[in-house]
C-alpha atoms as a PDB file:
ATOM      1  CA  UNK A   1      60.929  -1.626   7.662  1.00  0.00           C
ATOM      2  CA  UNK A   2      64.102  -3.529   6.127  1.00  0.00           C
ATOM      3  CA  UNK A   3      61.448  -5.241   3.091  1.00  0.00           C
ATOM      4  CA  UNK A   4      59.720  -1.925   2.912  1.00  0.00           C
ATOM      5  CA  UNK A   5      63.580  -0.148   2.050  1.00  0.00           C
ATOM      6  CA  UNK A   6      64.965  -3.232   0.374  1.00  0.00           C
ATOM      7  CA  UNK A   7      61.553  -2.821  -2.039  1.00  0.00           C
ATOM      8  CA  UNK A   8      62.569   0.633  -2.417  1.00  0.00           C
ATOM      9  CA  UNK A   9      65.999   0.594  -3.516  1.00  0.00           C
ATOM     10  CA  UNK A  10      65.392  -2.848  -6.374  1.00  0.00           C
ATOM     11  CA  UNK A  11      62.779  -0.780  -7.623  1.00  0.00           C
ATOM     12  CA  UNK A  12      64.499   2.650  -7.664  1.00  0.00           C
ATOM     13  CA  UNK A  13      67.578   0.801  -9.347  1.00  0.00           C
ATOM     14  CA  UNK A  14      64.601  -0.728 -11.786  1.00  0.00           C
ATOM     15  CA  UNK A  15      63.068   2.078 -13.072  1.00  0.00           C
ATOM     16  CA  UNK A  16      66.755   3.998 -13.176  1.00  0.00           C
ATOM     17  CA  UNK A  17      67.444   1.097 -15.326  1.00  0.00           C
ATOM     18  CA  UNK A  18      63.895   1.034 -17.576  1.00  0.00           C
ATOM     19  CA  UNK A  19      64.816   5.064 -18.262  1.00  0.00           C
ATOM     20  CA  UNK A  20      68.231   4.769 -19.549  1.00  0.00           C
ATOM     21  CA  UNK A  21      68.877   8.740 -20.637  1.00  0.00           C
ATOM     22  CA  UNK A  22      70.050  10.041 -24.195  1.00  0.00           C
ATOM     23  CA  UNK A  23      73.671   9.687 -25.148  1.00  0.00           C
ATOM     24  CA  UNK A  24      74.976  12.435 -26.676  1.00  0.00           C
ATOM     25  CA  UNK A  25      77.469  12.859 -29.718  1.00  0.00           C
ATOM     26  CA  UNK A  26      79.617  15.171 -31.674  1.00  0.00           C
ATOM     27  CA  UNK A  27      80.386  14.930 -34.909  1.00  0.00           C
ATOM     28  CA  UNK A  28      83.758  14.779 -36.103  1.00  0.00           C
ATOM     29  CA  UNK A  29      84.343  16.905 -38.607  1.00  0.00           C
ATOM     30  CA  UNK A  30      87.271  15.075 -39.702  1.00  0.00           C
ATOM     31  CA  UNK A  31      85.475  11.976 -41.019  1.00  0.00           C
ATOM     32  CA  UNK A  32      81.473  13.488 -42.351  1.00  0.00           C
ATOM     33  CA  UNK A  33      81.722  14.934 -45.571  1.00  0.00           C
ATOM     34  CA  UNK A  34      77.926  15.042 -47.060  1.00  0.00           C
ATOM     35  CA  UNK A  35      78.326  14.753 -51.092  1.00  0.00           C
ATOM     36  CA  UNK A  36      76.377  15.275 -53.758  1.00  0.00           C
ATOM     37  CA  UNK A  37      75.480  13.954 -56.971  1.00  0.00           C
ATOM     38  CA  UNK A  38      73.859  16.410 -59.712  1.00  0.00           C
ATOM     39  CA  UNK A  39      73.479  16.361 -63.494  1.00  0.00           C
ATOM     40  CA  UNK A  40      74.944  18.199 -65.870  1.00  0.00           C
ATOM     41  CA  UNK A  41      72.808  18.884 -69.437  1.00  0.00           C
ATOM     42  CA  UNK A  42      71.966  15.008 -69.335  1.00  0.00           C
ATOM     43  CA  UNK A  43      75.876  14.502 -70.712  1.00  0.00           C
ATOM     44  CA  UNK A  44      77.210  14.114 -66.970  1.00  0.00           C
ATOM     45  CA  UNK A  45      76.838  13.578 -63.625  1.00  0.00           C
ATOM     46  CA  UNK A  46      78.560  16.521 -61.520  1.00  0.00           C
ATOM     47  CA  UNK A  47      80.148  15.380 -58.124  1.00  0.00           C
ATOM     48  CA  UNK A  48      80.877  17.225 -54.665  1.00  0.00           C
ATOM     49  CA  UNK A  49      80.868  17.469 -51.424  1.00  0.00           C
ATOM     50  CA  UNK A  50      81.408  19.715 -48.307  1.00  0.00           C
ATOM     51  CA  UNK A  51      84.159  19.773 -46.025  1.00  0.00           C
ATOM     52  CA  UNK A  52      83.134  21.273 -43.088  1.00  0.00           C
ATOM     53  CA  UNK A  53      80.332  19.998 -40.782  1.00  0.00           C
ATOM     54  CA  UNK A  54      79.767  19.828 -37.298  1.00  0.00           C
ATOM     55  CA  UNK A  55      76.879  18.930 -35.259  1.00  0.00           C
ATOM     56  CA  UNK A  56      75.949  16.594 -32.592  1.00  0.00           C
ATOM     57  CA  UNK A  57      73.593  13.179 -32.514  1.00  0.00           C
ATOM     58  CA  UNK A  58      71.576  11.975 -29.476  1.00  0.00           C
ATOM     59  CA  UNK A  59      70.606   8.371 -29.858  1.00  0.00           C
ATOM     60  CA  UNK A  60      68.805   6.275 -26.596  1.00  0.00           C
ATOM     61  CA  UNK A  61      69.427   3.056 -27.778  1.00  0.00           C
ATOM     62  CA  UNK A  62      66.534   1.351 -25.247  1.00  0.00           C
ATOM     63  CA  UNK A  63      64.066   3.737 -26.342  1.00  0.00           C
ATOM     64  CA  UNK A  64      64.650   3.754 -29.849  1.00  0.00           C
ATOM     65  CA  UNK A  65      64.854   7.322 -30.242  1.00  0.00           C
ATOM     66  CA  UNK A  66      67.323   9.746 -31.001  1.00  0.00           C
ATOM     67  CA  UNK A  67      67.628  13.230 -32.780  1.00  0.00           C
ATOM     68  CA  UNK A  68      70.135  14.795 -35.273  1.00  0.00           C
ATOM     69  CA  UNK A  69      71.347  18.536 -35.339  1.00  0.00           C
ATOM     70  CA  UNK A  70      73.876  19.164 -38.534  1.00  0.00           C
ATOM     71  CA  UNK A  71      75.584  22.712 -40.227  1.00  0.00           C
ATOM     72  CA  UNK A  72      77.100  22.345 -43.228  1.00  0.00           C
ATOM     73  CA  UNK A  73      79.803  25.267 -43.777  1.00  0.00           C
ATOM     74  CA  UNK A  74      78.538  25.532 -47.457  1.00  0.00           C
ATOM     75  CA  UNK A  75      81.077  27.923 -48.148  1.00  0.00           C
ATOM     76  CA  UNK A  76      83.395  24.365 -47.967  1.00  0.00           C
ATOM     77  CA  UNK A  77      82.014  23.524 -51.291  1.00  0.00           C
ATOM     78  CA  UNK A  78      84.321  21.406 -53.026  1.00  0.00           C
ATOM     79  CA  UNK A  79      84.212  20.285 -56.496  1.00  0.00           C
ATOM     80  CA  UNK A  80      87.630  18.916 -56.539  1.00  0.00           C
ATOM     81  CA  UNK A  81      87.712  21.518 -59.708  1.00  0.00           C
ATOM     82  CA  UNK A  82      88.636  25.197 -58.928  1.00  0.00           C
ATOM     83  CA  UNK A  83      86.469  26.798 -61.490  1.00  0.00           C
ATOM     84  CA  UNK A  84      83.363  24.891 -60.522  1.00  0.00           C
ATOM     85  CA  UNK A  85      83.774  25.942 -56.948  1.00  0.00           C
ATOM     86  CA  UNK A  86      84.005  29.581 -57.948  1.00  0.00           C
ATOM     87  CA  UNK A  87      81.109  29.265 -59.940  1.00  0.00           C
ATOM     88  CA  UNK A  88      79.176  27.569 -57.511  1.00  0.00           C
ATOM     89  CA  UNK A  89      79.488  30.434 -55.021  1.00  0.00           C
ATOM     90  CA  UNK A  90      77.690  32.731 -57.119  1.00  0.00           C
ATOM     91  CA  UNK A  91      73.869  33.551 -57.150  1.00  0.00           C
ATOM     92  CA  UNK A  92      72.293  30.968 -59.377  1.00  0.00           C
ATOM     93  CA  UNK A  93      73.477  28.380 -57.698  1.00  0.00           C
ATOM     94  CA  UNK A  94      75.026  28.078 -54.089  1.00  0.00           C
ATOM     95  CA  UNK A  95      74.449  32.078 -53.527  1.00  0.00           C
ATOM     96  CA  UNK A  96      77.220  31.963 -50.572  1.00  0.00           C
ATOM     97  CA  UNK A  97      77.551  35.526 -49.695  1.00  0.00           C
ATOM     98  CA  UNK A  98      74.072  35.121 -48.379  1.00  0.00           C
ATOM     99  CA  UNK A  99      73.666  31.628 -47.367  1.00  0.00           C
ATOM    100  CA  UNK A 100      77.035  30.358 -46.154  1.00  0.00           C
ATOM    101  CA  UNK A 101      75.503  27.450 -44.258  1.00  0.00           C
ATOM    102  CA  UNK A 102      72.451  24.436 -44.654  1.00  0.00           C
ATOM    103  CA  UNK A 103      71.255  22.927 -41.835  1.00  0.00           C
ATOM    104  CA  UNK A 104      69.064  19.358 -40.722  1.00  0.00           C
ATOM    105  CA  UNK A 105      67.480  18.879 -37.706  1.00  0.00           C
ATOM    106  CA  UNK A 106      66.055  15.641 -37.665  1.00  0.00           C
ATOM    107  CA  UNK A 107      64.644  12.302 -35.768  1.00  0.00           C
ATOM    108  CA  UNK A 108      66.426   8.993 -35.943  1.00  0.00           C
ATOM    109  CA  UNK A 109      63.481   6.254 -36.013  1.00  0.00           C
ATOM    110  CA  UNK A 110      62.256   2.921 -37.948  1.00  0.00           C
ATOM    111  CA  UNK A 111      65.150   1.265 -34.966  1.00  0.00           C
ATOM    112  CA  UNK A 112      66.158  -2.659 -35.955  1.00  0.00           C
ATOM    113  CA  UNK A 113      68.611  -4.362 -33.288  1.00  0.00           C
ATOM    114  CA  UNK A 114      68.899  -1.022 -31.957  1.00  0.00           C
ATOM    115  CA  UNK A 115      70.249   0.645 -34.746  1.00  0.00           C
ATOM    116  CA  UNK A 116      67.745   3.666 -36.841  1.00  0.00           C
ATOM    117  CA  UNK A 117      67.359   2.753 -40.085  1.00  0.00           C
ATOM    118  CA  UNK A 118      65.982   6.528 -41.365  1.00  0.00           C
ATOM    119  CA  UNK A 119      65.703   9.876 -40.068  1.00  0.00           C
ATOM    120  CA  UNK A 120      62.784  12.091 -40.892  1.00  0.00           C
ATOM    121  CA  UNK A 121      63.723  15.937 -40.381  1.00  0.00           C
ATOM    122  CA  UNK A 122      63.867  19.044 -42.058  1.00  0.00           C
ATOM    123  CA  UNK A 123      66.633  20.526 -44.565  1.00  0.00           C
ATOM    124  CA  UNK A 124      67.343  24.389 -44.619  1.00  0.00           C
ATOM    125  CA  UNK A 125      69.056  25.206 -48.138  1.00  0.00           C
ATOM    126  CA  UNK A 126      69.318  28.432 -49.409  1.00  0.00           C
ATOM    127  CA  UNK A 127      66.722  30.328 -46.827  1.00  0.00           C
ATOM    128  CA  UNK A 128      64.207  27.415 -47.813  1.00  0.00           C
ATOM    129  CA  UNK A 129      62.682  24.079 -45.449  1.00  0.00           C
ATOM    130  CA  UNK A 130      61.831  21.606 -46.542  1.00  0.00           C
ATOM    131  CA  UNK A 131      61.237  18.246 -44.839  1.00  0.00           C
ATOM    132  CA  UNK A 132      63.553  15.219 -46.000  1.00  0.00           C
ATOM    133  CA  UNK A 133      63.940  12.014 -45.016  1.00  0.00           C
ATOM    134  CA  UNK A 134      67.127  10.010 -44.826  1.00  0.00           C
ATOM    135  CA  UNK A 135      67.639   5.983 -45.598  1.00  0.00           C
ATOM    136  CA  UNK A 136      70.568   5.151 -43.188  1.00  0.00           C
ATOM    137  CA  UNK A 137      72.085   2.097 -44.817  1.00  0.00           C
ATOM    138  CA  UNK A 138      74.641   1.541 -42.324  1.00  0.00           C
ATOM    139  CA  UNK A 139      75.279   1.790 -38.869  1.00  0.00           C
ATOM    140  CA  UNK A 140      77.686   0.597 -36.215  1.00  0.00           C
ATOM    141  CA  UNK A 141      78.991   2.087 -32.815  1.00  0.00           C
ATOM    142  CA  UNK A 142      82.236   0.750 -31.552  1.00  0.00           C
ATOM    143  CA  UNK A 143      85.105   1.705 -29.097  1.00  0.00           C
ATOM    144  CA  UNK A 144      87.093   4.020 -30.584  1.00  0.00           C
ATOM    145  CA  UNK A 145      90.404   2.605 -30.647  1.00  0.00           C
ATOM    146  CA  UNK A 146      92.591   5.369 -29.279  1.00  0.00           C
ATOM    147  CA  UNK A 147      90.268   7.207 -26.945  1.00  0.00           C
ATOM    148  CA  UNK A 148      88.062   4.624 -26.120  1.00  0.00           C
ATOM    149  CA  UNK A 149      85.089   6.117 -25.696  1.00  0.00           C
ATOM    150  CA  UNK A 150      82.467   5.177 -28.159  1.00  0.00           C
ATOM    151  CA  UNK A 151      82.250   6.281 -31.734  1.00  0.00           C
ATOM    152  CA  UNK A 152      78.912   5.557 -34.182  1.00  0.00           C
ATOM    153  CA  UNK A 153      79.659   5.738 -37.560  1.00  0.00           C
ATOM    154  CA  UNK A 154      76.763   6.034 -40.049  1.00  0.00           C
ATOM    155  CA  UNK A 155      76.031   5.924 -44.556  1.00  0.00           C
ATOM    156  CA  UNK A 156      72.881   7.987 -45.374  1.00  0.00           C
ATOM    157  CA  UNK A 157      71.653   9.145 -48.309  1.00  0.00           C
ATOM    158  CA  UNK A 158      68.565  10.386 -49.652  1.00  0.00           C
ATOM    159  CA  UNK A 159      67.491  12.590 -52.934  1.00  0.00           C
ATOM    160  CA  UNK A 160      66.142  16.460 -53.193  1.00  0.00           C
ATOM    161  CA  UNK A 161      64.821  18.009 -56.212  1.00  0.00           C
ATOM    162  CA  UNK A 162      67.156  21.474 -56.049  1.00  0.00           C
ATOM    163  CA  UNK A 163      64.700  23.570 -58.040  1.00  0.00           C
ATOM    164  CA  UNK A 164      62.331  23.301 -54.972  1.00  0.00           C
ATOM    165  CA  UNK A 165      65.601  25.257 -52.998  1.00  0.00           C
ATOM    166  CA  UNK A 166      65.202  27.925 -55.189  1.00  0.00           C
ATOM    167  CA  UNK A 167      68.693  26.751 -57.380  1.00  0.00           C
ATOM    168  CA  UNK A 168      66.890  25.617 -60.675  1.00  0.00           C
ATOM    169  CA  UNK A 169      70.086  26.872 -63.243  1.00  0.00           C
ATOM    170  CA  UNK A 170      69.861  24.866 -66.000  1.00  0.00           C
ATOM    171  CA  UNK A 171      66.277  23.892 -65.906  1.00  0.00           C
ATOM    172  CA  UNK A 172      65.280  25.568 -68.887  1.00  0.00           C
ATOM    173  CA  UNK A 173      67.985  23.565 -70.500  1.00  0.00           C
ATOM    174  CA  UNK A 174      66.089  20.279 -69.952  1.00  0.00           C
ATOM    175  CA  UNK A 175      69.074  19.914 -67.060  1.00  0.00           C
ATOM    176  CA  UNK A 176      67.521  17.468 -64.487  1.00  0.00           C
ATOM    177  CA  UNK A 177      66.522  18.855 -60.959  1.00  0.00           C
ATOM    178  CA  UNK A 178      67.292  15.762 -58.667  1.00  0.00           C
ATOM    179  CA  UNK A 179      70.539  15.842 -56.777  1.00  0.00           C
ATOM    180  CA  UNK A 180      71.397  12.532 -54.844  1.00  0.00           C
ATOM    181  CA  UNK A 181      72.810  13.222 -51.355  1.00  0.00           C
ATOM    182  CA  UNK A 182      75.174  10.972 -49.437  1.00  0.00           C
ATOM    183  CA  UNK A 183      75.600  11.361 -46.407  1.00  0.00           C
ATOM    184  CA  UNK A 184      79.008   9.711 -44.269  1.00  0.00           C
ATOM    185  CA  UNK A 185      79.135  10.400 -40.617  1.00  0.00           C
ATOM    186  CA  UNK A 186      80.990   9.420 -37.513  1.00  0.00           C
ATOM    187  CA  UNK A 187      80.063  10.795 -34.202  1.00  0.00           C
ATOM    188  CA  UNK A 188      81.883  10.376 -30.608  1.00  0.00           C
ATOM    189  CA  UNK A 189      80.458   9.836 -27.754  1.00  0.00           C
ATOM    190  CA  UNK A 190      80.753  12.871 -25.224  1.00  0.00           C
ATOM    191  CA  UNK A 191      82.356  12.569 -21.969  1.00  0.00           C
END
């Protein structure tokens, strides 16, 4: 009987260790800024960022899986120039009155040494949802220096075509429709 009980306890412990649960992290809005770069008549590149982002990330390093749920407040668009911020609100650009939010929902994939190198998912912007993959160029987790909970950060990038989302202002004048997205994100492990 003792052997049977010991085998049961050991088996239960090993099963629990093998099926590590995913960990959830909350995006830190003070350290997360999706930014973009877009052509201006082939003369220069306009750059901007979004100042308000929220969301969650789940990560299961043992299973090499994870998910991303991000919401971007597009009304927080910031070109660093007030007149351009006002122009961005208009219907031919971000159309902020109708579309005050963009979302990204995806899965973390292609793990190397416990770190995701890519995300596959769906970007919803201006009411249009399309598949978008992100290259994760760096990913690291460390103990937060103040609250001692795990803090993870990543740098991701991709390129989208803005006219595929109904934002074709300038296309008739030869503007390149490619928009480079650069996303810096930090997320704190939930308690």
